[in-house]
């Protein structure tokens, strides 16, 4: 499983959790909810709920905006290095 710093800032003021950061990093790599679920050993529905929380915390509305936010936060590089 890929670990990511849990102290990442978010627009809402609430930091992303470690799990949210991991899921966002995998999303930024282009993985689908099902692929993220397999990689993190959780259900696709749980991935979707985590993504809803990530979107709210980052103030974004879709996967593309979330992926761009992940790149700004350096998460895509972190996830790629951990693979």
N, C-alpha and C. Protein backbone atom coordinates (compact mmCIF):
# COMPACT_ATOMS: atom_id res chain seq x y z
N UNK A 1 0.85 -1.18 0.00
CA UNK A 1 0.00 0.00 0.00
C UNK A 1 0.89 1.24 0.00
N UNK A 2 0.43 2.27 -0.63
CA UNK A 2 1.19 3.50 -0.78
C UNK A 2 0.89 4.42 0.38
N UNK A 3 1.92 4.93 1.02
CA UNK A 3 1.74 5.87 2.12
C UNK A 3 2.03 7.28 1.66
N UNK A 4 1.23 8.22 2.17
CA UNK A 4 1.38 9.62 1.79
C UNK A 4 1.26 10.46 3.05
N UNK A 5 1.94 11.59 3.08
CA UNK A 5 1.89 12.51 4.22
C UNK A 5 0.46 12.94 4.51
N UNK A 6 0.02 12.79 5.75
CA UNK A 6 -1.36 13.13 6.10
C UNK A 6 -1.54 14.59 6.49
N UNK A 7 -0.51 15.38 6.47
CA UNK A 7 -0.62 16.77 6.90
C UNK A 7 -0.82 17.73 5.73
N UNK A 8 -1.30 17.23 4.61
CA UNK A 8 -1.47 18.07 3.44
C UNK A 8 -2.60 19.06 3.65
N UNK A 9 -2.40 20.30 3.22
CA UNK A 9 -3.42 21.32 3.40
C UNK A 9 -4.60 21.10 2.47
N UNK A 10 -5.72 21.63 2.86
CA UNK A 10 -6.91 21.58 2.01
C UNK A 10 -7.60 22.93 2.06
N UNK A 11 -8.37 23.23 1.05
CA UNK A 11 -9.06 24.50 0.95
C UNK A 11 -10.00 24.71 2.13
N UNK A 12 -10.68 23.65 2.55
CA UNK A 12 -11.68 23.76 3.61
C UNK A 12 -11.07 24.01 4.98
N UNK A 13 -9.77 23.90 5.08
CA UNK A 13 -9.11 24.07 6.37
C UNK A 13 -8.87 22.74 7.06
N UNK A 14 -9.63 21.72 6.69
CA UNK A 14 -9.43 20.39 7.25
C UNK A 14 -8.38 19.68 6.39
N UNK A 15 -7.34 19.16 7.01
CA UNK A 15 -6.32 18.48 6.21
C UNK A 15 -6.84 17.16 5.66
N UNK A 16 -6.25 16.73 4.57
CA UNK A 16 -6.59 15.42 4.03
C UNK A 16 -6.06 14.35 4.97
N UNK A 17 -6.84 13.29 5.16
CA UNK A 17 -6.36 12.17 5.95
C UNK A 17 -5.33 11.40 5.14
N UNK A 18 -4.63 10.53 5.79
CA UNK A 18 -3.65 9.70 5.09
C UNK A 18 -4.32 8.90 3.98
N UNK A 19 -5.47 8.31 4.26
CA UNK A 19 -6.19 7.52 3.26
C UNK A 19 -6.64 8.40 2.10
N UNK A 20 -7.16 9.59 2.40
CA UNK A 20 -7.59 10.50 1.34
C UNK A 20 -6.42 10.91 0.47
N UNK A 21 -5.28 11.16 1.08
CA UNK A 21 -4.08 11.54 0.33
C UNK A 21 -3.64 10.41 -0.59
N UNK A 22 -3.69 9.19 -0.08
CA UNK A 22 -3.32 8.02 -0.87
C UNK A 22 -4.25 7.87 -2.06
N UNK A 23 -5.55 7.98 -1.82
CA UNK A 23 -6.53 7.82 -2.88
C UNK A 23 -6.39 8.93 -3.91
N UNK A 24 -6.16 10.15 -3.46
CA UNK A 24 -5.95 11.26 -4.38
C UNK A 24 -4.70 11.04 -5.23
N UNK A 25 -3.64 10.54 -4.63
CA UNK A 25 -2.41 10.27 -5.37
C UNK A 25 -2.65 9.21 -6.45
N UNK A 26 -3.38 8.17 -6.11
CA UNK A 26 -3.67 7.12 -7.09
C UNK A 26 -4.59 7.64 -8.19
N UNK A 27 -5.53 8.49 -7.83
CA UNK A 27 -6.41 9.12 -8.82
C UNK A 27 -5.56 9.94 -9.80
N UNK A 28 -4.60 10.66 -9.27
CA UNK A 28 -3.73 11.50 -10.11
C UNK A 28 -2.90 10.67 -11.08
N UNK A 29 -2.66 9.41 -10.72
CA UNK A 29 -1.92 8.51 -11.61
C UNK A 29 -2.83 7.92 -12.70
N UNK A 30 -4.13 8.23 -12.61
CA UNK A 30 -5.05 7.77 -13.64
C UNK A 30 -5.81 6.50 -13.32
N UNK A 31 -5.73 6.03 -12.08
CA UNK A 31 -6.44 4.82 -11.71
C UNK A 31 -7.93 5.08 -11.54
N UNK A 32 -8.73 4.09 -11.88
CA UNK A 32 -10.17 4.17 -11.69
C UNK A 32 -10.49 3.85 -10.22
N UNK A 33 -11.74 4.09 -9.84
CA UNK A 33 -12.15 3.77 -8.46
C UNK A 33 -11.94 2.29 -8.17
N UNK A 34 -12.25 1.44 -9.12
CA UNK A 34 -12.06 -0.01 -8.92
C UNK A 34 -10.57 -0.35 -8.75
N UNK A 35 -9.71 0.25 -9.56
CA UNK A 35 -8.27 0.00 -9.45
C UNK A 35 -7.73 0.52 -8.12
N UNK A 36 -8.21 1.68 -7.70
CA UNK A 36 -7.80 2.23 -6.40
C UNK A 36 -8.26 1.30 -5.28
N UNK A 37 -9.47 0.78 -5.41
CA UNK A 37 -10.00 -0.14 -4.40
C UNK A 37 -9.12 -1.37 -4.27
N UNK A 38 -8.70 -1.93 -5.39
CA UNK A 38 -7.84 -3.11 -5.36
C UNK A 38 -6.49 -2.76 -4.72
N UNK A 39 -5.93 -1.63 -5.11
CA UNK A 39 -4.61 -1.23 -4.60
C UNK A 39 -4.62 -0.95 -3.10
N UNK A 40 -5.74 -0.44 -2.60
CA UNK A 40 -5.82 -0.06 -1.19
C UNK A 40 -6.59 -1.07 -0.34
N UNK A 41 -7.10 -2.11 -0.99
CA UNK A 41 -7.84 -3.18 -0.31
C UNK A 41 -9.10 -2.67 0.40
N UNK A 42 -9.83 -1.78 -0.28
CA UNK A 42 -11.12 -1.31 0.22
C UNK A 42 -12.13 -1.43 -0.92
N UNK A 43 -13.40 -1.24 -0.63
CA UNK A 43 -14.42 -1.38 -1.67
C UNK A 43 -14.44 -0.15 -2.58
N UNK A 44 -14.88 -0.34 -3.83
CA UNK A 44 -15.01 0.81 -4.73
C UNK A 44 -15.95 1.88 -4.17
N UNK A 45 -16.99 1.47 -3.46
CA UNK A 45 -17.92 2.44 -2.86
C UNK A 45 -17.19 3.29 -1.81
N UNK A 46 -16.31 2.67 -1.04
CA UNK A 46 -15.55 3.41 -0.04
C UNK A 46 -14.60 4.39 -0.72
N UNK A 47 -14.01 3.98 -1.82
CA UNK A 47 -13.15 4.88 -2.60
C UNK A 47 -13.96 6.09 -3.04
N UNK A 48 -15.16 5.85 -3.53
CA UNK A 48 -16.03 6.94 -3.99
C UNK A 48 -16.33 7.91 -2.85
N UNK A 49 -16.62 7.39 -1.67
CA UNK A 49 -16.90 8.25 -0.51
C UNK A 49 -15.66 9.06 -0.14
N UNK A 50 -14.49 8.43 -0.14
CA UNK A 50 -13.25 9.16 0.16
C UNK A 50 -13.05 10.27 -0.87
N UNK A 51 -13.31 9.97 -2.14
CA UNK A 51 -13.15 10.99 -3.19
C UNK A 51 -14.12 12.15 -2.99
N UNK A 52 -15.34 11.86 -2.55
CA UNK A 52 -16.28 12.94 -2.25
C UNK A 52 -15.72 13.86 -1.17
N UNK A 53 -15.10 13.28 -0.15
CA UNK A 53 -14.52 14.07 0.92
C UNK A 53 -13.33 14.88 0.41
N UNK A 54 -12.51 14.27 -0.43
CA UNK A 54 -11.35 14.95 -1.00
C UNK A 54 -11.81 16.14 -1.84
N UNK A 55 -12.81 15.92 -2.69
CA UNK A 55 -13.32 17.01 -3.53
C UNK A 55 -13.79 18.18 -2.67
N UNK A 56 -14.52 17.86 -1.62
CA UNK A 56 -15.04 18.92 -0.74
C UNK A 56 -13.90 19.67 -0.06
N UNK A 57 -12.92 18.94 0.44
CA UNK A 57 -11.81 19.57 1.14
C UNK A 57 -10.96 20.43 0.22
N UNK A 58 -10.81 19.99 -1.03
CA UNK A 58 -9.98 20.73 -1.98
C UNK A 58 -10.77 21.79 -2.74
N UNK A 59 -12.08 21.77 -2.60
CA UNK A 59 -12.91 22.74 -3.32
C UNK A 59 -12.96 22.49 -4.81
N UNK A 60 -12.95 21.21 -5.21
CA UNK A 60 -13.02 20.85 -6.61
C UNK A 60 -14.30 20.06 -6.86
N UNK A 61 -14.62 19.84 -8.15
CA UNK A 61 -15.88 19.20 -8.48
C UNK A 61 -15.76 17.94 -9.32
N UNK A 62 -14.54 17.61 -9.77
CA UNK A 62 -14.41 16.42 -10.60
C UNK A 62 -13.00 15.84 -10.51
N UNK A 63 -12.82 14.70 -11.16
CA UNK A 63 -11.55 13.97 -11.11
C UNK A 63 -10.39 14.79 -11.70
N UNK A 64 -10.67 15.50 -12.78
CA UNK A 64 -9.61 16.28 -13.42
C UNK A 64 -9.11 17.38 -12.50
N UNK A 65 -10.02 18.11 -11.89
CA UNK A 65 -9.62 19.17 -10.96
C UNK A 65 -8.89 18.58 -9.76
N UNK A 66 -9.33 17.43 -9.29
CA UNK A 66 -8.67 16.77 -8.15
C UNK A 66 -7.27 16.32 -8.55
N UNK A 67 -7.12 15.79 -9.75
CA UNK A 67 -5.81 15.35 -10.22
C UNK A 67 -4.85 16.54 -10.33
N UNK A 68 -5.36 17.65 -10.81
CA UNK A 68 -4.52 18.87 -10.89
C UNK A 68 -4.11 19.34 -9.51
N UNK A 69 -5.03 19.26 -8.55
CA UNK A 69 -4.70 19.64 -7.17
C UNK A 69 -3.63 18.69 -6.62
N UNK A 70 -3.74 17.42 -6.94
CA UNK A 70 -2.75 16.43 -6.48
C UNK A 70 -1.38 16.76 -7.04
N UNK A 71 -1.33 17.17 -8.28
CA UNK A 71 -0.05 17.55 -8.88
C UNK A 71 0.53 18.77 -8.18
N UNK A 72 -0.32 19.76 -7.88
CA UNK A 72 0.15 20.95 -7.16
C UNK A 72 0.70 20.59 -5.79
N UNK A 73 0.08 19.59 -5.15
CA UNK A 73 0.51 19.17 -3.82
C UNK A 73 1.68 18.19 -3.86
N UNK A 74 2.07 17.77 -5.07
CA UNK A 74 3.19 16.84 -5.20
C UNK A 74 2.82 15.40 -4.92
N UNK A 75 1.54 15.07 -4.93
CA UNK A 75 1.11 13.71 -4.61
C UNK A 75 1.36 12.74 -5.74
N UNK A 76 1.24 13.17 -6.98
CA UNK A 76 1.43 12.26 -8.10
C UNK A 76 2.86 11.71 -8.11
N UNK A 77 3.82 12.57 -7.84
CA UNK A 77 5.21 12.13 -7.81
C UNK A 77 5.46 11.19 -6.63
N UNK A 78 4.83 11.47 -5.49
CA UNK A 78 4.99 10.64 -4.30
C UNK A 78 4.46 9.24 -4.57
N UNK A 79 3.29 9.14 -5.18
CA UNK A 79 2.69 7.85 -5.46
C UNK A 79 3.52 7.07 -6.49
N UNK A 80 4.00 7.75 -7.51
CA UNK A 80 4.80 7.09 -8.53
C UNK A 80 6.10 6.55 -7.94
N UNK A 81 6.70 7.29 -7.05
CA UNK A 81 7.95 6.86 -6.42
C UNK A 81 7.73 5.68 -5.49
N UNK A 82 6.56 5.58 -4.90
CA UNK A 82 6.27 4.50 -3.96
C UNK A 82 5.94 3.19 -4.63
N UNK A 83 5.60 3.22 -5.93
CA UNK A 83 5.22 1.98 -6.63
C UNK A 83 6.39 1.09 -6.90
